[in-house]
Amino acid sequence: MEPLLELRGVSKSFGAVRALRDVSLALYPGEVHALAGENGAGKSTVVRIIGGEQEPDDGEVRLDGTPVRFGGPRDAQHRGVAVIHQEPSRFPDLSAAENVFIGRQPFRVDRAGMRRRAAELFGALGVPIDPDRPARGLSIADQQVIEIARALAADARIIVMDEPTAALSGMEAQRLFRVARGLAENGSALLFISHRLDEIYELCHRVTVLRDGAPVTTRELAGLDRDALVRSMVGREIEQLFPGRRSEPGEAALEVFGLSRAGVFEDISLTVRRGEIVGLAGLVGSGRSEVARAIFGVDGRDRGVVRVGGRTLPAGDPRAAIRAGLAMVPEDRREQGLIPELSIERNASLPRLRSVSTFGIVRRSRERALARTWTDRLGVRLRRLADPVTTLSGGNQQKVVLGKWLAGDPAVLIVDEPTRGIDIGAKREVHGLLSELAASGVAVLMISSELPEVLGMSDRVVVMHEGRITAELDRSAATEESVLRAATGGAS
C-alpha cells in the first residue's frame, strides 16, 4: 500500500539550530499514526512542514507518491491536508456553519445549503451541533469538531491532530477518538500528537519517536512496552514520575472560608499549610478553576473570606493577592499567562518589573539576568531570550509562566493544570520543582485533571462536584476509586 503522504529525509534549520535531521515518516490510509517526543523534539516543525507553513531545507514531501512543494497552508489544504490544532481557530461572531465553510463560500452565499451541509457533516461525525449556533459559546471539543468538519468539507485525506485532547474532559476525548476512528475507517490518514501515552496506545496503530530533531524509531504499538517507548522519547530512564518526599506541614498559609459565587460554586472552605501540596480534584465543570480565580481575585465572589498568612484579602483584587505573597499559574497559558507579542525575557519578568527598574525605567541587563535565572532553572529550550515567547513550544511556554511567578518568591502558589501539554520528561521536572517549593515551605494548591498526578503529588486531596466540596482525603486515603466516587457526587 502506498502512503498518502510521506516525508523522506527531511531536515530543517533555523539559524544555527537544527530543528529536524533526516526525518522520514509515512502516513497510510486507514491508519492513525502517533508522533511522540519531548517538547523541542521537532514535532511542531513536522506539523508545520506537512501543513505547508514551512518548507524543508533538505529531503522531500511526497503526496500520493509524487514529490510536492506546498505554496503555503492554503495550497496544502487544497491538496487535501488539514491540521487540527490544540487551540482551534475560530470566528466567534459567526455561526458554526459559517465557521465550517469560512473562506470557501461563493460570491453568492447559499446560506440554507451551507447550514444543511454543515448539519450533514456534524451528523456524520456523530456530534449534534446546531449549525446556526454562534461559535463564541462553543466548548473546545465542539470547536475541534467544527475544524474536522471544515477538513471534511474540503475533502481532506490527511488529517493532523496536534495535542487535540489537552483541554478536553475524558468523555470529550472519547468522542474525539470515535470521530478519529471513523475518519480512518473511511480511508483518511491521521497523524496524532499527544503527550498522554494512554491516548496513543488507545487510538494509534504505529508510532514515530523524535528526539532532538532526529528520528529514533518507527514501529507498531502492539507489543511495544511503555517503558521502552518512554526511554526512546527521553533517552534515559524515567525511574519515578512523582518524586518522593516527606511532608512536614507548618502553619496555615492559605485559608478559605465559605467562598461562594451564585451559580458557580458554593460554601468552599479549605486550608493549605506551609510545606504542603493540596490537590484540588474534580471533573471538568466542577468549579475548580473558578474557585482558584476567585481566591486570587481575578473573579469576584458573593461572599466568603480568603486569608494569606493571616491577612484577609479584598475580593476581586489580584494586586493585593500578589502583595500578600499569593501567585497563580493559570490553566490557559496563551490567553491568561503570557503576552504573545512580547519577548521571552519580558514575559518572564513581568510580575517583577519594579525589581528590575530604576526610577521607572526597565534595566535590560537586570531583566535578562532575572529571566535567564528562571529559564535555566526550569530547562526552557530557547534560542534567544529576546525572541517572541510564541517561538517556544507549548511546554516551554508553560515553564516561562511558572518561572515568572516563582521569581516573586511566593508564600502560596496556585497552579492550575501545571503539566498540561508538557512531555513526560518535562512533567518530571515540574513535579520535582513543585516538590522542592513545598519542601522549602511554600504552600501549593494544585488543580489537575490527571488523577495520577493528583494522587502522586498531593499530601491531601480536596474533591469538588458541581461547585461544592464533596470530600477531603489524606494521602493514605486518596485512591482512584475514592476520588472518582466523590468527583461524581457519591459518598467518599
Protein backbone atom coordinates (compact mmCIF):
# COMPACT_ATOMS: atom_id res chain seq x y z
CA MET A 1 0.00 0.00 0.00
CA GLU A 2 1.31 3.44 -0.94
CA PRO A 3 1.26 6.17 1.71
CA LEU A 4 -0.98 9.17 1.13
CA LEU A 5 1.75 11.47 2.43
CA GLU A 6 5.41 10.82 3.11
CA LEU A 7 8.40 12.73 4.41
CA ARG A 8 11.73 11.44 3.10
CA GLY A 9 14.97 12.52 4.74
CA VAL A 10 13.56 15.90 5.76
CA SER A 11 15.87 18.37 7.55
CA LYS A 12 15.14 21.90 8.72
CA SER A 13 17.30 24.51 10.44
CA PHE A 14 16.58 27.90 11.96
CA GLY A 15 19.88 29.72 12.02
CA ALA A 16 22.32 27.54 13.97
CA VAL A 17 19.52 25.42 15.45
CA ARG A 18 18.78 22.18 13.60
CA ALA A 19 15.10 21.53 14.27
CA LEU A 20 14.89 18.36 12.14
CA ARG A 21 17.58 15.97 10.97
CA ASP A 22 16.86 13.39 8.28
CA VAL A 23 13.28 12.68 9.35
CA SER A 24 11.23 10.13 7.41
CA LEU A 25 7.55 9.49 8.09
CA ALA A 26 4.82 7.71 6.10
CA LEU A 27 1.08 8.21 6.64
CA TYR A 28 -1.10 5.42 5.24
CA PRO A 29 -4.85 5.41 4.51
CA GLY A 30 -6.87 3.83 7.30
CA GLU A 31 -4.13 4.35 9.90
CA VAL A 32 -3.73 6.59 12.94
CA HIS A 33 0.00 7.27 13.30
CA ALA A 34 1.38 8.74 16.54
CA LEU A 35 4.22 11.27 16.60
CA ALA A 36 5.89 11.28 20.02
CA GLY A 37 8.77 13.07 21.68
CA GLU A 38 9.64 15.62 24.31
CA ASN A 39 9.00 19.33 23.85
CA GLY A 40 11.57 20.65 21.42
CA ALA A 41 11.98 17.25 19.77
CA GLY A 42 10.79 18.65 16.42
CA LYS A 43 7.13 17.60 16.37
CA SER A 44 5.81 21.12 15.74
CA THR A 45 8.24 21.59 12.85
CA VAL A 46 7.00 18.35 11.28
CA VAL A 47 3.42 19.61 11.61
CA ARG A 48 4.29 22.95 10.02
CA ILE A 49 6.02 21.25 7.09
CA ILE A 50 3.10 18.87 6.49
CA GLY A 51 0.66 21.79 6.80
CA GLY A 52 2.54 23.93 4.28
CA GLU A 53 3.68 26.61 6.74
CA GLN A 54 7.35 25.82 6.19
CA GLU A 55 9.48 24.13 3.54
CA PRO A 56 12.23 21.62 4.33
CA ASP A 57 15.84 22.59 3.70
CA ASP A 58 16.66 19.05 2.57
CA GLY A 59 14.63 15.99 1.71
CA GLU A 60 11.19 15.93 0.17
CA VAL A 61 7.49 15.72 0.86
CA ARG A 62 5.57 13.21 -1.27
CA LEU A 63 1.83 13.26 -1.87
CA ASP A 64 0.40 10.08 -3.42
CA GLY A 65 3.96 9.07 -4.29
CA THR A 66 4.78 12.30 -6.12
CA PRO A 67 7.21 14.94 -4.75
CA VAL A 68 5.39 18.16 -3.88
CA ARG A 69 6.27 21.62 -2.60
CA PHE A 70 3.37 23.33 -0.88
CA GLY A 71 2.99 27.01 -1.68
CA GLY A 72 1.61 27.69 1.79
CA PRO A 73 -1.08 26.43 4.15
CA ARG A 74 -3.90 27.16 1.70
CA ASP A 75 -2.14 25.16 -1.01
CA ALA A 76 -1.73 22.22 1.40
CA GLN A 77 -5.43 22.45 2.30
CA HIS A 78 -6.41 22.44 -1.37
CA ARG A 79 -4.33 19.28 -1.81
CA GLY A 80 -6.17 17.50 1.00
CA VAL A 81 -4.13 18.26 4.13
CA ALA A 82 -5.82 19.56 7.30
CA VAL A 83 -4.24 20.43 10.65
CA ILE A 84 -6.39 20.37 13.81
CA HIS A 85 -4.58 22.38 16.46
CA GLN A 86 -4.73 22.09 20.25
CA GLU A 87 -6.43 25.50 20.40
CA PRO A 88 -8.77 25.69 17.39
CA SER A 89 -9.03 28.82 15.30
CA ARG A 90 -12.50 30.28 15.07
CA PHE A 91 -14.51 33.35 14.16
CA PRO A 92 -16.53 33.76 17.37
CA ASP A 93 -19.23 36.02 15.94
CA LEU A 94 -20.00 33.68 13.04
CA SER A 95 -22.23 30.63 13.23
CA ALA A 96 -20.94 27.06 13.42
CA ALA A 97 -21.90 26.54 9.76
CA GLU A 98 -20.13 29.73 8.66
CA ASN A 99 -17.01 28.61 10.52
CA VAL A 100 -17.08 25.30 8.66
CA PHE A 101 -17.15 26.99 5.26
CA ILE A 102 -15.17 30.15 6.03
CA GLY A 103 -13.01 31.09 3.04
CA ARG A 104 -14.85 28.66 0.77
CA GLN A 105 -18.15 30.47 0.23
CA PRO A 106 -19.01 31.52 -3.31
CA PHE A 107 -19.72 35.18 -4.12
CA ARG A 108 -23.41 34.50 -3.57
CA VAL A 109 -23.67 32.57 -0.33
CA ASP A 110 -26.29 29.80 -0.24
CA ARG A 111 -26.96 30.03 3.49
CA ALA A 112 -29.63 27.36 3.52
CA GLY A 113 -27.39 24.95 1.63
CA MET A 114 -24.46 25.80 3.88
CA ARG A 115 -26.49 25.09 7.02
CA ARG A 116 -27.81 21.85 5.52
CA ARG A 117 -24.33 20.63 4.54
CA ALA A 118 -22.89 21.58 7.95
CA ALA A 119 -25.67 19.63 9.68
CA GLU A 120 -24.85 16.62 7.48
CA LEU A 121 -21.16 16.84 8.42
CA PHE A 122 -21.91 17.19 12.14
CA GLY A 123 -24.27 14.23 11.88
CA ALA A 124 -21.65 12.13 10.10
CA LEU A 125 -19.23 12.94 12.93
CA GLY A 126 -21.85 11.94 15.49
CA VAL A 127 -21.96 15.37 17.16
CA PRO A 128 -25.32 17.22 17.03
CA ILE A 129 -24.10 20.84 16.84
CA ASP A 130 -26.70 23.42 15.80
CA PRO A 131 -25.34 24.94 12.54
CA ASP A 132 -26.85 28.33 13.47
CA ARG A 133 -25.26 28.48 16.92
CA PRO A 134 -22.62 31.21 17.33
CA ALA A 135 -19.09 29.85 17.72
CA ARG A 136 -18.38 32.11 20.68
CA GLY A 137 -20.14 29.91 23.23
CA LEU A 138 -18.92 26.53 21.96
CA SER A 139 -16.64 24.31 24.04
CA ILE A 140 -13.11 23.48 22.86
CA ALA A 141 -14.37 19.99 21.99
CA ASP A 142 -17.11 21.36 19.73
CA GLN A 143 -14.69 23.83 18.17
CA GLN A 144 -12.44 20.92 17.23
CA VAL A 145 -15.40 19.10 15.69
CA ILE A 146 -16.02 22.21 13.58
CA GLU A 147 -12.39 22.11 12.41
CA ILE A 148 -12.76 18.44 11.49
CA ALA A 149 -16.00 19.23 9.65
CA ARG A 150 -14.13 22.02 7.83
CA ALA A 151 -11.49 19.48 6.81
CA LEU A 152 -14.15 17.05 5.55
CA ALA A 153 -15.91 19.82 3.64
CA ALA A 154 -12.61 20.49 1.89
CA ASP A 155 -12.18 16.76 1.12
CA ALA A 156 -9.12 16.42 3.34
CA ARG A 157 -7.49 12.99 3.26
CA ILE A 158 -4.51 13.68 5.53
CA ILE A 159 -5.52 15.00 8.96
CA VAL A 160 -3.02 16.09 11.61
CA MET A 161 -4.30 16.30 15.20
CA ASP A 162 -1.83 18.29 17.31
CA GLU A 163 -2.49 17.79 21.05
CA PRO A 164 -6.26 17.78 20.41
CA THR A 165 -7.27 16.47 23.85
CA ALA A 166 -5.21 18.80 26.07
CA ALA A 167 -8.27 20.87 27.05
CA LEU A 168 -10.88 18.08 26.87
CA SER A 169 -12.59 16.04 29.56
CA GLY A 170 -12.41 12.26 29.42
CA MET A 171 -15.83 11.98 27.78
CA GLU A 172 -14.99 14.67 25.21
CA ALA A 173 -11.72 12.91 24.39
CA GLN A 174 -13.55 9.62 23.84
CA ARG A 175 -15.95 11.37 21.48
CA LEU A 176 -12.99 12.76 19.55
CA PHE A 177 -11.45 9.28 19.37
CA ARG A 178 -14.68 7.91 17.89
CA VAL A 179 -14.54 10.61 15.24
CA ALA A 180 -10.86 9.87 14.53
CA ARG A 181 -11.51 6.14 14.16
CA GLY A 182 -14.38 6.86 11.79
CA LEU A 183 -12.14 9.06 9.64
CA ALA A 184 -9.51 6.32 9.45
CA GLU A 185 -12.11 3.67 8.60
CA ASN A 186 -13.23 5.87 5.69
CA GLY A 187 -9.70 5.90 4.27
CA SER A 188 -8.12 9.02 5.74
CA ALA A 189 -4.57 9.04 7.11
CA LEU A 190 -4.23 10.59 10.57
CA LEU A 191 -1.17 11.88 12.41
CA PHE A 192 -1.89 12.11 16.15
CA ILE A 193 0.32 14.04 18.59
CA SER A 194 -0.17 13.70 22.33
CA HIS A 195 1.91 13.66 25.50
CA ARG A 196 -0.58 11.22 27.03
CA LEU A 197 0.64 7.68 26.48
CA ASP A 198 -2.75 6.18 27.32
CA GLU A 199 -4.27 8.03 24.37
CA ILE A 200 -1.51 6.95 22.00
CA TYR A 201 -1.96 3.30 22.94
CA GLU A 202 -5.76 3.53 22.78
CA LEU A 203 -6.05 5.22 19.39
CA CYS A 204 -2.93 4.69 17.28
CA HIS A 205 -1.55 1.84 15.20
CA ARG A 206 2.09 2.91 14.80
CA VAL A 207 4.37 5.47 16.42
CA THR A 208 7.33 7.51 15.27
CA VAL A 209 9.55 8.92 18.03
CA LEU A 210 11.67 12.05 17.60
CA ARG A 211 14.45 13.15 19.93
CA ASP A 212 16.42 16.37 19.45
CA GLY A 213 15.07 16.67 15.91
CA ALA A 214 16.15 13.21 14.80
CA PRO A 215 14.08 10.05 14.33
CA VAL A 216 14.65 7.38 16.99
CA THR A 217 12.22 4.66 15.95
CA THR A 218 9.09 3.89 13.96
CA ARG A 219 7.23 0.73 14.92
CA GLU A 220 3.90 -0.89 15.64
CA LEU A 221 2.42 -0.03 19.03
CA ALA A 222 1.11 -3.54 19.55
CA GLY A 223 3.65 -5.29 21.73
CA LEU A 224 5.68 -2.13 22.44
CA ASP A 225 6.38 -1.83 26.16
CA ARG A 226 5.51 1.60 27.56
CA ASP A 227 8.77 1.89 29.44
CA ALA A 228 10.64 1.24 26.21
CA LEU A 229 8.60 3.95 24.48
CA VAL A 230 9.40 6.43 27.26
CA ARG A 231 13.10 5.57 27.10
CA SER A 232 13.15 6.18 23.35
CA MET A 233 11.48 9.57 23.86
CA VAL A 234 13.71 10.93 26.61
CA GLY A 235 16.94 8.99 26.07
CA ARG A 236 17.12 7.98 29.70
CA GLU A 237 15.28 6.01 32.34
CA ILE A 238 12.27 7.66 33.98
CA GLU A 239 12.57 5.89 37.30
CA GLN A 240 9.81 7.80 39.05
CA LEU A 241 7.50 10.45 37.64
CA PHE A 242 6.48 11.71 41.06
CA PRO A 243 9.45 12.47 43.34
CA GLY A 244 9.22 11.05 46.81
CA ARG A 245 9.36 13.49 49.72
CA ARG A 246 8.43 13.69 53.36
CA SER A 247 5.77 16.25 54.15
CA GLU A 248 6.08 18.21 57.38
CA PRO A 249 3.39 20.89 57.04
CA GLY A 250 3.71 24.05 59.09
CA GLU A 251 1.23 26.77 59.92
CA ALA A 252 -1.72 27.68 57.70
CA ALA A 253 -0.62 29.81 54.73
CA LEU A 254 -3.87 29.90 52.72
CA GLU A 255 -7.27 29.83 54.42
CA VAL A 256 -10.59 29.95 52.58
CA PHE A 257 -13.90 30.17 54.45
CA GLY A 258 -17.38 29.90 52.93
CA LEU A 259 -16.36 31.12 49.46
CA SER A 260 -19.44 31.34 47.23
CA ARG A 261 -20.45 32.66 43.84
CA ALA A 262 -24.03 32.23 42.67
CA GLY A 263 -24.43 29.50 40.07
CA VAL A 264 -20.72 28.63 40.06
CA PHE A 265 -19.59 27.35 43.47
CA GLU A 266 -20.99 27.31 47.00
CA ASP A 267 -19.53 27.29 50.52
CA ILE A 268 -15.93 26.43 49.66
CA SER A 269 -13.67 26.12 52.69
CA LEU A 270 -10.13 24.78 52.59
CA THR A 271 -6.71 25.28 54.15
CA VAL A 272 -3.22 24.85 52.69
CA ARG A 273 -0.33 24.83 55.12
CA ARG A 274 3.29 25.78 54.56
CA GLY A 275 5.25 22.90 53.06
CA GLU A 276 2.12 21.14 51.81
CA ILE A 277 0.73 20.30 48.38
CA VAL A 278 -3.07 20.11 48.34
CA GLY A 279 -4.66 18.70 45.19
CA LEU A 280 -7.99 20.17 44.06
CA ALA A 281 -9.67 17.43 42.05
CA GLY A 282 -12.97 17.05 40.21
CA LEU A 283 -14.41 16.56 36.77
CA VAL A 284 -14.33 19.30 34.15
CA GLY A 285 -17.06 21.78 35.04
CA SER A 286 -16.92 21.06 38.78
CA GLY A 287 -15.81 24.64 39.50
CA ARG A 288 -12.15 24.03 40.42
CA SER A 289 -10.64 26.74 38.20
CA GLU A 290 -13.38 29.19 39.11
CA VAL A 291 -12.58 28.75 42.80
CA ALA A 292 -8.90 29.36 42.13
CA ARG A 293 -9.63 32.52 40.15
CA ALA A 294 -11.86 33.83 42.95
CA ILE A 295 -9.18 33.10 45.58
CA PHE A 296 -6.61 35.02 43.53
CA GLY A 297 -9.04 37.86 42.87
CA VAL A 298 -9.33 37.56 39.10
CA ASP A 299 -13.04 36.80 39.52
CA GLY A 300 -15.33 38.23 42.17
CA ARG A 301 -17.16 36.39 44.90
CA ASP A 302 -20.54 36.90 46.52
CA ARG A 303 -19.35 36.01 50.00
CA GLY A 304 -16.58 34.28 51.88
CA VAL A 305 -13.15 35.09 53.28
CA VAL A 306 -9.67 34.45 51.86
CA ARG A 307 -6.60 34.81 54.07
CA VAL A 308 -2.91 34.53 53.17
CA GLY A 309 -0.58 34.36 56.14
CA GLY A 310 -3.42 35.56 58.35
CA ARG A 311 -4.00 38.60 56.15
CA THR A 312 -7.55 38.95 54.77
CA LEU A 313 -7.61 39.67 51.04
CA PRO A 314 -10.17 42.00 49.44
CA ALA A 315 -12.41 40.46 46.79
CA GLY A 316 -11.52 40.96 43.15
CA ASP A 317 -8.06 42.46 43.74
CA PRO A 318 -5.20 40.35 42.26
CA ARG A 319 -2.64 43.04 43.13
CA ALA A 320 -3.48 42.73 46.80
CA ALA A 321 -3.15 38.95 46.50
CA ILE A 322 0.29 39.29 44.91
CA ARG A 323 1.43 41.73 47.59
CA ALA A 324 0.31 39.24 50.25
CA GLY A 325 2.51 36.53 48.70
CA LEU A 326 -0.03 34.67 46.54
CA ALA A 327 0.87 33.62 42.99
CA MET A 328 -1.23 31.81 40.41
CA VAL A 329 -0.27 29.90 37.27
CA PRO A 330 -3.47 29.82 35.14
CA GLU A 331 -4.78 26.92 33.10
CA ASP A 332 -4.78 28.79 29.77
CA ARG A 333 -1.20 29.95 29.30
CA ARG A 334 -1.83 31.72 25.98
CA GLU A 335 -4.87 33.73 26.97
CA GLN A 336 -4.12 34.32 30.66
CA GLY A 337 -0.47 33.55 31.33
CA LEU A 338 1.51 35.20 28.53
CA ILE A 339 1.53 38.27 26.29
CA PRO A 340 2.33 36.71 22.89
CA GLU A 341 3.64 39.94 21.35
CA LEU A 342 6.38 40.31 23.98
CA SER A 343 9.76 38.61 24.26
CA ILE A 344 10.60 35.62 26.44
CA GLU A 345 12.57 37.80 28.83
CA ARG A 346 9.82 40.41 29.17
CA ASN A 347 7.16 37.76 29.81
CA ALA A 348 9.40 36.10 32.38
CA SER A 349 9.96 39.36 34.27
CA LEU A 350 6.50 40.99 34.04
CA PRO A 351 5.43 40.48 37.69
CA ARG A 352 8.84 41.75 38.83
CA LEU A 353 9.31 44.83 36.65
CA ARG A 354 9.72 47.05 39.70
CA SER A 355 12.68 44.99 40.89
CA VAL A 356 14.45 45.30 37.52
CA SER A 357 13.74 49.03 37.09
CA THR A 358 15.39 52.23 38.23
CA PHE A 359 13.14 55.29 38.53
CA GLY A 360 10.53 53.50 36.42
CA ILE A 361 12.95 52.58 33.62
CA VAL A 362 13.46 48.86 32.97
CA ARG A 363 17.12 47.89 33.03
CA ARG A 364 17.59 45.31 30.30
CA SER A 365 20.59 43.73 31.98
CA ARG A 366 18.62 43.10 35.18
CA GLU A 367 15.58 41.88 33.28
CA ARG A 368 17.69 39.50 31.24
CA ALA A 369 19.53 38.20 34.31
CA LEU A 370 16.22 37.50 36.07
CA ALA A 371 14.80 35.76 33.01
CA ARG A 372 17.99 33.77 32.48
CA THR A 373 17.94 32.53 36.09
CA TRP A 374 14.50 31.01 35.75
CA THR A 375 14.68 29.78 32.17
CA ASP A 376 17.90 27.98 33.08
CA ARG A 377 16.45 26.55 36.29
CA LEU A 378 13.36 25.26 34.52
CA GLY A 379 15.28 23.99 31.50
CA VAL A 380 13.49 26.18 28.94
CA ARG A 381 14.72 25.33 25.46
CA LEU A 382 15.17 28.57 23.54
CA ARG A 383 17.38 30.31 21.02
CA ARG A 384 17.47 33.84 22.43
CA LEU A 385 15.74 35.46 25.38
CA ALA A 386 14.86 38.37 23.09
CA ASP A 387 12.82 36.11 20.79
CA PRO A 388 8.99 36.33 20.98
CA VAL A 389 7.57 33.92 23.53
CA THR A 390 5.47 32.40 20.72
CA THR A 391 8.64 30.88 19.24
CA LEU A 392 8.71 28.43 22.16
CA SER A 393 6.95 25.10 22.19
CA GLY A 394 3.84 24.80 24.35
CA GLY A 395 5.65 23.09 27.20
CA ASN A 396 8.41 25.68 27.25
CA GLN A 397 5.81 28.46 27.28
CA GLN A 398 4.30 26.80 30.35
CA LYS A 399 7.71 26.82 32.02
CA VAL A 400 8.02 30.56 31.37
CA VAL A 401 4.65 31.13 33.06
CA LEU A 402 5.81 29.09 36.06
CA GLY A 403 9.12 30.90 36.23
CA LYS A 404 7.71 34.41 36.13
CA TRP A 405 5.62 33.74 39.24
CA LEU A 406 8.28 31.80 41.12
CA ALA A 407 10.64 34.74 40.65
CA GLY A 408 8.46 36.63 43.14
CA ASP A 409 9.24 34.11 45.91
CA PRO A 410 5.56 33.45 46.76
CA ALA A 411 4.35 32.08 50.09
CA VAL A 412 1.37 30.41 48.37
CA LEU A 413 1.35 29.08 44.82
CA ILE A 414 -1.83 28.09 42.97
CA VAL A 415 -1.10 26.00 39.86
CA ASP A 416 -3.97 25.15 37.50
CA GLU A 417 -3.11 22.19 35.24
CA PRO A 418 0.66 22.71 35.70
CA THR A 419 1.69 19.98 33.23
CA ARG A 420 -0.97 20.43 30.56
CA GLY A 421 0.69 19.97 27.17
CA ILE A 422 4.07 19.11 28.69
CA ASP A 423 6.01 15.98 27.74
CA ILE A 424 6.95 13.21 30.14
CA GLY A 425 10.47 14.40 30.89
CA ALA A 426 9.34 17.98 31.47
CA LYS A 427 6.49 16.74 33.69
CA ARG A 428 9.00 15.13 35.99
CA GLU A 429 10.97 18.39 36.11
CA VAL A 430 7.84 20.37 37.02
CA HIS A 431 6.82 17.81 39.62
CA GLY A 432 10.31 17.98 41.09
CA LEU A 433 10.14 21.77 41.20
CA LEU A 434 6.77 21.75 42.98
CA SER A 435 8.13 19.28 45.50
CA GLU A 436 11.19 21.47 46.06
CA LEU A 437 8.97 24.51 46.62
CA ALA A 438 6.86 22.63 49.16
CA ALA A 439 9.99 21.37 50.91
CA SER A 440 11.20 24.98 51.17
CA GLY A 441 7.95 25.99 52.93
CA VAL A 442 5.76 27.18 50.05
CA ALA A 443 2.08 26.20 50.29
CA VAL A 444 0.93 24.73 46.95
CA LEU A 445 -2.68 24.37 45.78
CA MET A 446 -2.61 22.22 42.64
CA ILE A 447 -5.53 21.72 40.25
CA SER A 448 -5.20 18.83 37.82
CA SER A 449 -7.47 16.77 35.60
CA GLU A 450 -4.91 13.94 35.61
CA LEU A 451 -5.79 11.67 38.50
CA PRO A 452 -2.33 10.01 38.70
CA GLU A 453 -0.82 13.48 39.07
CA VAL A 454 -3.25 14.39 41.86
CA LEU A 455 -2.57 11.15 43.72
CA GLY A 456 1.17 11.20 43.12
CA MET A 457 1.81 14.79 44.16
CA SER A 458 -0.74 15.66 46.85
CA ASP A 459 -0.43 15.44 50.62
CA ARG A 460 -4.20 15.95 50.81
CA VAL A 461 -6.89 15.88 48.11
CA VAL A 462 -9.95 18.16 48.14
CA VAL A 463 -12.61 16.91 45.71
CA MET A 464 -15.33 19.05 44.07
CA HIS A 465 -18.57 18.12 42.36
CA GLU A 466 -20.93 20.65 40.78
CA GLY A 467 -19.50 23.61 42.66
CA ARG A 468 -19.28 22.01 46.10
CA ILE A 469 -16.60 20.17 48.08
CA THR A 470 -17.65 16.54 48.43
CA ALA A 471 -14.55 15.08 50.10
CA GLU A 472 -11.23 15.89 51.73
CA LEU A 473 -8.85 12.94 51.77
CA ASP A 474 -5.45 12.39 53.32
CA ARG A 475 -2.77 10.93 51.08
CA SER A 476 -3.23 7.49 52.63
CA ALA A 477 -6.99 7.51 51.94
CA ALA A 478 -6.87 9.04 48.46
CA THR A 479 -7.26 6.36 45.81
CA GLU A 480 -8.57 6.50 42.25
CA GLU A 481 -11.80 4.90 43.43
CA SER A 482 -12.36 7.25 46.39
CA VAL A 483 -11.56 10.41 44.39
CA LEU A 484 -13.72 9.41 41.41
CA ARG A 485 -16.59 8.48 43.70
CA ALA A 486 -16.50 11.92 45.32
CA ALA A 487 -15.99 13.65 41.96
CA THR A 488 -19.17 12.09 40.61
CA GLY A 489 -21.23 13.06 43.65
CA GLY A 490 -21.01 9.81 45.60
CA ALA A 491 -20.04 9.49 49.25
CA SER A 492 -16.32 9.42 49.89
